[in-house]
Every structure is written in structure tokens, then in C-alpha cells.
Amino acid sequence: MTVKLKQEAAQALRQGRPLLQADDFMEEVFFNEGDQVYLTDSKGDFLAMAYLAKQNKGLGWVYSYQRDQVLAPSFFKQIFSRAKAKRQDLFDDELTTAFRFFNGEGDGLGGLSVDVYGDYLLIQWYSLGIYAYRASIVEALKEVLPACRGIVGKNRFQSQDHLASEWLAGEEAPEHFTVLEEGRRYVVRLNDHWMTGIFLDQREVRTYLQSELAVGRRVLNTFSYTGAFSVAAALAGASQTCSVDLANRSRDLTEEQFAANGIPLADQEIYVMDTFDYYKYARRHDKFYDLIIMDPPSFARNKKKVFKVNKDYPKLVAEALGILSSQGDLVCSTNASNYSLAAFKSDIEKGAKKAQRSLRLIQEFKLPGDFPVPAHSPESDYLKVLIYRAD
């Protein structure tokens, strides 16, 4: 099947943008999930090969600029081999055993990602279209990474006909096991809902926190999940860590991470509560911190309120600054792809103004090297971490 693109979409594709949107097409396109198509400009000149699939980001992905290239086992082996070569330093690093092996469109094929967790692989499928090629993809992964003991897949698309997660090859991983990240030990679970216990894209931030920010300081980790940042801070020699998360499981999971690293719980506080409620509690009890980490979800709802990151970040910053010591550091993070860096910075400044504090940017992080993104694809370059020092 041949699909013609509008002039603007064709130009974006020529510049390297791989994502296809519904309004890119000159005519409405009817397709089956995973259909491979020829893309042409309005004049009929060939542009690229793509596959079509419905997902949150759009309606398909360019996968090759070579005419007649098909999604065959040989193609998957080629792109996985290239991804492995790019990450050979991580494979050789004995202190890091969890990282992104294949980052979708950044490695040449949008719609899926593959992560290494020790001896196991985790594939995340983002559309039924790419899921249709799972047998060939799994075989290619087994060939390129023969030391892999097992592969699990998680379906990030909505379908009543497919399991949310499934073991695809090899042996099942233990219910939970430990991986390494720059020497830090983290307990992970590959078959437990969407999340595994650690966000791999924050590796460089945790390392910076451990090496540069946390030693001897009182550290507050909000929206703490399993306490991965708290572990890095404690290993650095923080005088105290405090982890705050609303999820009931967060206490047990955070204590588990501390135990995996041999960190005594005596100097580690854990609160199961809403972050804004904790800010109020801290003010009432004269609790102040030298380093506050804020990495909230893009959207969250509890019985009392709804949190939207691009609406509520100014308030989050303002209230954090109310319990941040002079010359304290604020780690501001978001993974919202629809939240631009400019808007993010502006909202942080609004929060500082409301708190009547001045901030100085001291460090900035984006996605690490194992999370490559294509040019002209802002929705793929989602992570923004800004570290400020307050007056």
C-alpha cells in the first residue's frame, strides 16, 4: 500500500521525524494494525517505509529510508546488533546491570523499547501493530543477546484480547531480584504491573546526586516510589533521608531497597502521604531540608485532589521552598512529553517568585545516552531535570 503525505509532513520526514500523525496523510487511510506501507510526497516520489499502528503518540512510524525494506527477522537482527554495539560500554560495566538496550524510534523502530535487567530482557509494546511482529522480534533478540535467560513483554496498549504482560522466551525471572546501577543495588520486579521498581532514565541524576549533592545533607525525596533517589543519597552519606509517597506499598518497597544496600533504617524516614500534605506537616514540625527532590507523575488522582504536572508545578516548587534551607538544592524533574522545557522553567520561576526565593540553575539533565532520540522528535525527548540552588 502507498500512502501520500502532505507537504509539511513530507518535509518533517526528510528532516528525520519518524512519527506519523493522522493529519499527515493527504487522504484518510484505512489499515490493519502493523501494515507496512510506502510513503510518498504529494507528487508520488518515494520517501520512506513505515508501519501503521494506533497508539497514544500517533498512527505509525517510519522504519527505513530504503525502498522495499520489510519488517523481517533480518531487519530486526540488524537494528538490535547496532543497538548492542552502541551500548557495549554498558554491557562491559560490571557495576551497572540495568539499562535501556533499545529505545524505540531513537534506535530506528518506534513503538517498542527493550530494557536489560540483569540476565533478563523486558520488552514494552506500545501498539498492537508492533506486537504483531513479536515472534520475529523475540527471535532476533535471542540471537543478538544469546546470554539472555528470559524475555518478558508488557503491553502498553489497551486490548482485551492480550495479556497485560507475558513471558515470551526462556525462563521466568524470580518474583524479585537485584540489579546494579553504578554500584547501587536495586530490587526489581518484572511481572508486577507497569513499573519495575526503578526508572532507568534517571541513572545519571542519581549518580550526580550521590557524588555531588547529598553528602552530609538532610534529603527529602518526594513522590519517592521505591526510594531510588533516597538510596543514592544515603549511600553518599546524607545525614538523613526522608521518602514521601502516597502509595501504600511505598514503605515496604523503600525499606526493601535500603536493606538491599545494607543501609540502616535509623536515619531514614518514610511517610505514606500526599506530598502537599507532607509539606504542611514539615512546616508545623519545623523540619527543614538541604536537598529536596521532586519527580512527580504527569497526572495523579487521590480522594482529595487531582495533580496535573503542567498546572501544579509552581505550587509544588513554592511549598518545597518553604522548607528548603538557605543554599539548599532543589531537584525539579518531569517526564511529561507535552511539557516544554521553556514552560517547565517558567513554572519553576513562578513558584520561586511566590515563595519569595531566588534560584540559580546549577545543573541540567536530559535522557542518558542509552535513551537516544531522533532529531525533530520533541515528544521522544521527554525527560527534563533542572537542579537549582536557592538563596
Protein backbone atom coordinates (compact mmCIF):
# COMPACT_ATOMS: atom_id res chain seq x y z
CA MET A 1 0.00 0.00 0.00
CA THR A 2 1.17 3.50 -0.84
CA VAL A 3 0.32 6.47 1.38
CA LYS A 4 0.82 10.08 0.29
CA LEU A 5 1.90 12.70 2.81
CA LYS A 6 1.11 16.38 2.87
CA GLN A 7 3.93 18.75 2.00
CA GLU A 8 4.68 19.79 5.60
CA ALA A 9 4.70 16.19 6.82
CA ALA A 10 6.97 15.13 3.96
CA GLN A 11 9.40 17.90 4.84
CA ALA A 12 9.43 16.87 8.51
CA LEU A 13 10.09 13.28 7.49
CA ARG A 14 13.03 14.35 5.30
CA GLN A 15 14.47 16.16 8.33
CA GLY A 16 14.33 12.95 10.34
CA ARG A 17 10.99 12.97 12.11
CA PRO A 18 9.81 9.33 12.27
CA LEU A 19 6.36 9.71 13.84
CA LEU A 20 3.26 9.73 11.65
CA GLN A 21 0.08 11.56 12.69
CA ALA A 22 -3.40 11.26 11.25
CA ASP A 23 -3.30 14.74 9.74
CA ASP A 24 -0.03 13.96 7.93
CA PHE A 25 -1.91 11.95 5.28
CA MET A 26 -3.43 13.53 2.17
CA GLU A 27 -6.40 11.16 2.43
CA GLU A 28 -7.89 9.11 5.23
CA VAL A 29 -6.05 5.81 5.46
CA PHE A 30 -7.73 2.53 6.34
CA PHE A 31 -5.31 -0.11 7.55
CA ASN A 32 -4.77 -3.21 9.62
CA GLU A 33 -2.50 -2.94 12.65
CA GLY A 34 1.09 -3.39 11.55
CA ASP A 35 0.55 -2.81 7.83
CA GLN A 36 3.81 -1.89 6.07
CA VAL A 37 3.42 0.97 3.60
CA TYR A 38 5.32 3.06 1.09
CA LEU A 39 5.31 6.73 2.00
CA THR A 40 5.49 9.26 -0.83
CA ASP A 41 5.21 13.02 -1.12
CA SER A 42 2.26 14.67 -2.83
CA LYS A 43 3.91 14.14 -6.22
CA GLY A 44 4.31 10.41 -5.65
CA ASP A 45 8.08 10.44 -5.05
CA PHE A 46 9.20 7.77 -2.59
CA LEU A 47 10.14 8.95 0.91
CA ALA A 48 10.36 6.01 3.28
CA MET A 49 8.93 2.74 4.52
CA ALA A 50 6.66 2.81 7.56
CA TYR A 51 4.34 0.60 9.52
CA LEU A 52 0.91 1.82 10.65
CA ALA A 53 -0.47 1.34 14.14
CA LYS A 54 -2.69 3.22 16.53
CA GLN A 55 -1.03 4.37 19.74
CA ASN A 56 -1.04 7.38 22.03
CA LYS A 57 1.59 9.22 20.03
CA GLY A 58 0.19 8.80 16.55
CA LEU A 59 -0.61 6.38 13.75
CA GLY A 60 2.70 4.81 12.83
CA TRP A 61 6.46 5.03 12.48
CA VAL A 62 8.99 5.35 9.70
CA TYR A 63 11.46 2.47 9.98
CA SER A 64 13.58 2.69 6.83
CA TYR A 65 14.50 5.05 4.01
CA GLN A 66 15.29 2.11 1.74
CA ARG A 67 12.57 1.16 -0.71
CA ASP A 68 11.14 -2.34 -0.19
CA GLN A 69 12.75 -2.85 3.23
CA VAL A 70 10.38 -5.12 5.12
CA LEU A 71 9.95 -5.86 8.82
CA ALA A 72 11.65 -9.23 8.60
CA PRO A 73 13.85 -11.18 11.06
CA SER A 74 16.99 -9.96 9.28
CA PHE A 75 15.93 -6.33 9.77
CA PHE A 76 15.28 -6.81 13.47
CA LYS A 77 18.62 -8.54 13.91
CA GLN A 78 20.36 -5.65 12.14
CA ILE A 79 18.87 -2.90 14.30
CA PHE A 80 19.38 -4.87 17.53
CA SER A 81 23.00 -5.56 16.62
CA ARG A 82 23.52 -1.86 16.02
CA ALA A 83 21.91 -1.03 19.36
CA LYS A 84 24.17 -3.51 21.14
CA ALA A 85 27.29 -2.01 19.59
CA LYS A 86 26.26 1.46 20.77
CA ARG A 87 25.92 0.21 24.34
CA GLN A 88 28.92 -2.07 24.57
CA ASP A 89 30.33 0.05 27.39
CA LEU A 90 27.23 -0.68 29.46
CA PHE A 91 27.40 -4.39 28.72
CA ASP A 92 31.04 -4.32 29.85
CA ASP A 93 30.31 -2.33 33.03
CA GLU A 94 30.24 -4.76 35.95
CA LEU A 95 28.73 -2.09 38.22
CA THR A 96 25.67 -1.49 36.01
CA THR A 97 23.38 -4.37 35.02
CA ALA A 98 20.16 -2.49 34.22
CA PHE A 99 19.80 -0.09 31.29
CA ARG A 100 17.87 0.65 28.10
CA PHE A 101 19.00 -1.66 25.31
CA PHE A 102 16.69 -0.42 22.55
CA ASN A 103 14.94 2.94 22.71
CA GLY A 104 12.27 2.70 20.03
CA GLU A 105 12.45 5.43 17.40
CA GLY A 106 15.80 6.61 18.74
CA ASP A 107 17.27 3.27 17.68
CA GLY A 108 15.36 3.03 14.41
CA LEU A 109 12.00 1.45 15.21
CA GLY A 110 9.28 3.28 17.12
CA GLY A 111 6.59 1.55 19.12
CA LEU A 112 8.68 -0.61 21.43
CA SER A 113 11.51 -0.46 23.90
CA VAL A 114 13.78 -3.15 25.33
CA ASP A 115 15.44 -2.94 28.73
CA VAL A 116 18.16 -5.10 30.27
CA TYR A 117 17.58 -6.19 33.86
CA GLY A 118 20.48 -8.43 34.75
CA ASP A 119 20.04 -11.67 32.83
CA TYR A 120 16.55 -10.78 31.62
CA LEU A 121 15.00 -8.55 28.97
CA LEU A 122 11.83 -6.51 29.26
CA ILE A 123 10.03 -5.52 26.05
CA GLN A 124 7.37 -2.83 26.20
CA TRP A 125 4.93 -2.84 23.30
CA TYR A 126 3.15 0.45 22.62
CA SER A 127 0.82 -0.67 19.86
CA LEU A 128 -0.90 -3.76 18.58
CA GLY A 129 0.82 -3.10 15.26
CA ILE A 130 4.36 -3.72 16.51
CA TYR A 131 3.11 -6.50 18.79
CA ALA A 132 2.09 -8.37 15.63
CA TYR A 133 5.81 -8.86 14.88
CA ARG A 134 6.67 -10.19 18.35
CA ALA A 135 7.78 -13.66 17.23
CA SER A 136 10.41 -12.27 14.84
CA ILE A 137 11.50 -9.63 17.35
CA VAL A 138 11.95 -12.15 20.14
CA GLU A 139 13.95 -14.49 17.90
CA ALA A 140 16.20 -11.62 16.81
CA LEU A 141 16.81 -10.61 20.43
CA LYS A 142 17.72 -14.18 21.37
CA GLU A 143 20.21 -14.27 18.51
CA VAL A 144 21.81 -10.90 19.27
CA LEU A 145 21.81 -11.42 23.06
CA PRO A 146 22.32 -15.18 23.50
CA ALA A 147 23.25 -14.83 27.19
CA CYS A 148 19.73 -13.62 27.98
CA ARG A 149 17.97 -16.12 30.25
CA GLY A 150 14.42 -14.92 29.67
CA ILE A 151 12.25 -12.27 27.99
CA VAL A 152 9.05 -10.71 29.33
CA GLY A 153 6.74 -8.40 27.41
CA LYS A 154 4.42 -5.72 28.76
CA ASN A 155 1.56 -4.49 26.61
CA ARG A 156 1.18 -0.72 26.97
CA PHE A 157 -1.82 -0.64 24.65
CA GLN A 158 -5.43 -1.35 25.50
CA SER A 159 -6.67 -4.71 24.32
CA GLN A 160 -8.92 -7.25 25.99
CA ASP A 161 -7.53 -9.94 23.76
CA HIS A 162 -3.96 -9.79 25.01
CA LEU A 163 -2.38 -10.16 28.42
CA ALA A 164 -1.03 -7.07 30.15
CA SER A 165 2.29 -8.88 30.45
CA GLU A 166 3.58 -12.27 29.33
CA TRP A 167 6.73 -14.33 29.30
CA LEU A 168 7.92 -14.56 25.72
CA ALA A 169 11.03 -16.74 25.85
CA GLY A 170 13.36 -18.60 28.18
CA GLU A 171 12.84 -18.98 31.89
CA GLU A 172 10.76 -16.77 34.12
CA ALA A 173 12.67 -14.38 36.32
CA PRO A 174 12.30 -14.67 40.09
CA GLU A 175 9.44 -12.70 41.60
CA HIS A 176 12.01 -10.09 42.59
CA PHE A 177 15.77 -9.86 42.13
CA THR A 178 18.57 -7.31 42.41
CA VAL A 179 20.27 -5.30 39.67
CA LEU A 180 23.18 -2.88 39.84
CA GLU A 181 23.33 0.77 38.81
CA GLU A 182 26.75 2.41 39.20
CA GLY A 183 27.23 0.05 42.15
CA ARG A 184 23.87 0.85 43.76
CA ARG A 185 21.66 -2.19 44.32
CA TYR A 186 18.00 -2.05 43.37
CA VAL A 187 15.34 -4.71 43.77
CA VAL A 188 13.17 -5.06 40.65
CA ARG A 189 10.03 -6.94 39.68
CA LEU A 190 9.43 -7.61 36.01
CA ASN A 191 5.95 -9.07 36.24
CA ASP A 192 4.34 -6.52 38.57
CA HIS A 193 2.09 -4.10 36.66
CA TRP A 194 3.74 -1.39 34.51
CA MET A 195 6.62 -0.37 36.75
CA THR A 196 9.61 -2.45 37.76
CA GLY A 197 10.93 -0.66 40.84
CA ILE A 198 13.36 1.76 39.19
CA PHE A 199 13.18 4.37 36.44
CA LEU A 200 16.22 3.65 34.27
CA ASP A 201 16.21 7.07 32.61
CA GLN A 202 17.20 8.75 35.90
CA ARG A 203 20.51 6.87 36.29
CA GLU A 204 22.75 9.88 35.65
CA VAL A 205 20.73 12.06 38.01
CA ARG A 206 21.05 9.52 40.84
CA THR A 207 24.79 9.28 40.24
CA TYR A 208 25.17 13.08 40.31
CA LEU A 209 23.10 13.28 43.46
CA GLN A 210 25.29 10.65 45.11
CA SER A 211 28.62 12.13 44.02
CA GLU A 212 27.90 15.87 44.20
CA LEU A 213 24.84 16.83 46.23
CA ALA A 214 23.82 14.56 49.09
CA VAL A 215 26.86 14.04 51.34
CA GLY A 216 26.20 15.24 54.89
CA ARG A 217 22.83 16.78 53.97
CA ARG A 218 19.22 16.35 55.01
CA VAL A 219 17.45 14.99 51.93
CA LEU A 220 13.72 14.96 51.16
CA ASN A 221 12.60 12.71 48.32
CA THR A 222 9.00 13.42 47.30
CA PHE A 223 6.90 11.18 45.02
CA SER A 224 9.57 8.70 46.07
CA TYR A 225 8.07 5.45 44.64
CA THR A 226 10.57 2.79 45.86
CA GLY A 227 13.09 5.31 47.19
CA ALA A 228 15.73 5.00 44.46
CA PHE A 229 16.91 8.60 44.97
CA SER A 230 16.89 8.07 48.74
CA VAL A 231 19.19 5.07 48.35
CA ALA A 232 21.66 7.16 46.30
CA ALA A 233 21.55 9.90 48.93
CA ALA A 234 22.06 7.51 51.83
CA LEU A 235 24.99 5.82 50.09
CA ALA A 236 26.54 9.25 49.59
CA GLY A 237 26.49 9.83 53.34
CA ALA A 238 23.42 12.01 53.72
CA SER A 239 22.82 12.84 57.37
CA GLN A 240 19.16 11.92 56.90
CA THR A 241 16.76 10.91 54.15
CA CYS A 242 13.01 11.30 54.12
CA SER A 243 10.94 9.50 51.46
CA VAL A 244 7.34 10.58 50.83
CA ASP A 245 4.85 8.81 48.57
CA LEU A 246 1.08 8.34 48.71
CA ALA A 247 1.11 4.69 47.59
CA ASN A 248 0.57 2.23 50.43
CA ARG A 249 3.24 -0.09 49.05
CA SER A 250 5.93 2.59 49.08
CA ARG A 251 7.01 1.97 52.66
CA ASP A 252 7.72 -1.74 52.22
CA LEU A 253 9.32 -1.23 48.82
CA THR A 254 11.56 1.58 50.08
CA GLU A 255 12.65 -0.39 53.14
CA GLU A 256 13.44 -3.28 50.77
CA GLN A 257 15.74 -1.03 48.71
CA PHE A 258 17.55 0.22 51.81
CA ALA A 259 18.02 -3.35 53.01
CA ALA A 260 19.43 -4.40 49.63
CA ASN A 261 22.17 -1.80 50.11
CA GLY A 262 22.85 -2.51 53.76
CA ILE A 263 21.56 0.92 54.80
CA PRO A 264 20.30 1.11 58.40
CA LEU A 265 16.78 2.47 58.73
CA ALA A 266 17.58 4.59 61.79
CA ASP A 267 18.38 7.71 59.77
CA GLN A 268 15.81 7.10 57.04
CA GLU A 269 12.26 8.40 57.45
CA ILE A 270 9.41 7.12 55.28
CA TYR A 271 5.97 8.75 55.11
CA VAL A 272 2.99 7.34 53.25
CA MET A 273 1.13 10.54 52.47
CA ASP A 274 0.41 13.18 49.86
CA THR A 275 3.41 15.41 49.13
CA PHE A 276 1.49 18.65 49.68
CA ASP A 277 0.20 17.33 52.99
CA TYR A 278 3.75 16.45 53.97
CA TYR A 279 4.93 19.99 53.20
CA LYS A 280 2.34 21.27 55.67
CA TYR A 281 3.37 18.65 58.23
CA ALA A 282 7.04 19.57 57.86
CA ARG A 283 6.33 23.26 58.38
CA ARG A 284 4.29 22.56 61.51
CA HIS A 285 7.13 20.48 62.93
CA ASP A 286 9.97 22.81 61.85
CA LYS A 287 11.51 20.21 59.57
CA PHE A 288 13.91 21.70 57.03
CA TYR A 289 15.98 20.09 54.28
CA ASP A 290 19.17 20.87 52.38
CA LEU A 291 18.15 18.93 49.27
CA ILE A 292 14.61 18.31 48.00
CA ILE A 293 13.87 16.04 45.04
CA MET A 294 10.61 16.42 43.11
CA ASP A 295 9.88 13.92 40.34
CA PRO A 296 6.07 13.78 40.21
CA PRO A 297 3.93 11.79 37.79
CA SER A 298 2.39 13.73 34.93
CA PHE A 299 -1.05 13.04 36.34
CA ALA A 300 -2.27 11.63 39.63
CA ARG A 301 -5.56 11.42 41.47
CA ASN A 302 -6.41 10.67 45.07
CA LYS A 303 -9.57 11.00 47.14
CA LYS A 304 -8.92 14.67 47.84
CA LYS A 305 -7.40 16.16 44.69
CA VAL A 306 -6.13 15.81 41.14
CA PHE A 307 -2.49 16.61 40.34
CA LYS A 308 -1.52 17.78 36.85
CA VAL A 309 2.18 18.42 36.43
CA ASN A 310 1.90 21.31 33.95
CA LYS A 311 -0.68 23.01 36.17
CA ASP A 312 0.55 22.33 39.71
CA TYR A 313 4.35 22.54 39.43
CA PRO A 314 4.53 26.21 40.55
CA LYS A 315 2.70 25.31 43.76
CA LEU A 316 4.95 22.28 44.23
CA VAL A 317 8.05 24.46 43.97
CA ALA A 318 6.70 27.24 46.18
CA GLU A 319 5.79 24.89 49.00
CA ALA A 320 9.07 22.99 48.75
CA LEU A 321 10.98 26.25 49.07
CA GLY A 322 9.13 26.86 52.32
CA ILE A 323 11.09 24.01 53.93
CA LEU A 324 14.37 24.28 51.97
CA SER A 325 17.33 25.69 53.88
CA SER A 326 19.44 28.63 52.69
CA GLN A 327 21.81 27.47 49.93
CA GLY A 328 19.76 24.31 49.66
CA ASP A 329 19.28 22.49 46.35
CA LEU A 330 16.05 21.73 44.53
CA VAL A 331 15.90 18.87 42.00
CA CYS A 332 12.98 19.54 39.64
CA SER A 333 12.08 16.73 37.26
CA THR A 334 9.30 15.86 34.82
CA ASN A 335 8.81 13.18 32.19
CA ALA A 336 5.79 14.86 30.59
CA SER A 337 6.46 14.97 26.85
CA ASN A 338 3.82 17.70 26.34
CA TYR A 339 5.50 19.98 28.92
CA SER A 340 8.13 22.04 27.11
CA LEU A 341 11.43 22.95 28.73
CA ALA A 342 10.59 26.64 28.45
CA ALA A 343 7.23 26.17 30.17
CA PHE A 344 8.84 23.99 32.83
CA LYS A 345 11.45 26.63 33.63
CA SER A 346 8.81 29.32 33.66
CA ASP A 347 6.67 27.40 36.15
CA ILE A 348 9.66 26.83 38.44
CA GLU A 349 10.36 30.56 38.36
CA LYS A 350 6.70 31.28 39.18
CA GLY A 351 6.95 29.01 42.22
CA ALA A 352 10.14 30.70 43.38
CA LYS A 353 8.55 34.12 43.00
CA LYS A 354 5.55 33.04 45.03
CA ALA A 355 7.88 31.76 47.77
CA GLN A 356 9.96 34.95 47.53
CA ARG A 357 13.14 32.94 46.99
CA SER A 358 15.71 33.31 44.23
CA LEU A 359 17.03 30.28 42.38
CA ARG A 360 20.23 29.69 40.41
CA LEU A 361 20.41 26.82 37.91
CA ILE A 362 23.46 24.68 38.70
CA GLN A 363 22.89 21.54 36.58
CA GLU A 364 20.60 20.16 33.91
CA PHE A 365 19.94 16.62 32.71
CA LYS A 366 18.12 15.11 29.77
CA LEU A 367 17.82 11.48 28.72
CA PRO A 368 21.04 9.45 29.13
CA GLY A 369 22.96 8.02 26.21
CA ASP A 370 21.15 4.68 26.23
CA PHE A 371 17.90 6.59 25.57
CA PRO A 372 18.71 8.18 22.18
CA VAL A 373 16.07 10.28 20.44
CA PRO A 374 15.76 11.18 16.76
CA ALA A 375 16.10 14.73 15.53
CA HIS A 376 12.92 16.79 15.22
CA SER A 377 11.02 14.49 17.58
CA PRO A 378 10.29 16.53 20.71
CA GLU A 379 7.72 14.07 22.04
CA SER A 380 10.51 11.46 22.29
CA ASP A 381 12.85 13.75 24.25
CA TYR A 382 10.60 13.80 27.28
CA LEU A 383 12.87 13.92 30.36
CA LYS A 384 13.75 17.31 31.86
CA VAL A 385 15.71 17.58 35.13
CA LEU A 386 16.75 21.00 36.40
CA ILE A 387 18.76 21.42 39.62
CA TYR A 388 18.65 24.79 41.35
CA ARG A 389 20.41 26.32 44.35
CA ALA A 390 18.22 28.57 46.47
CA ASP A 391 19.33 31.74 48.23
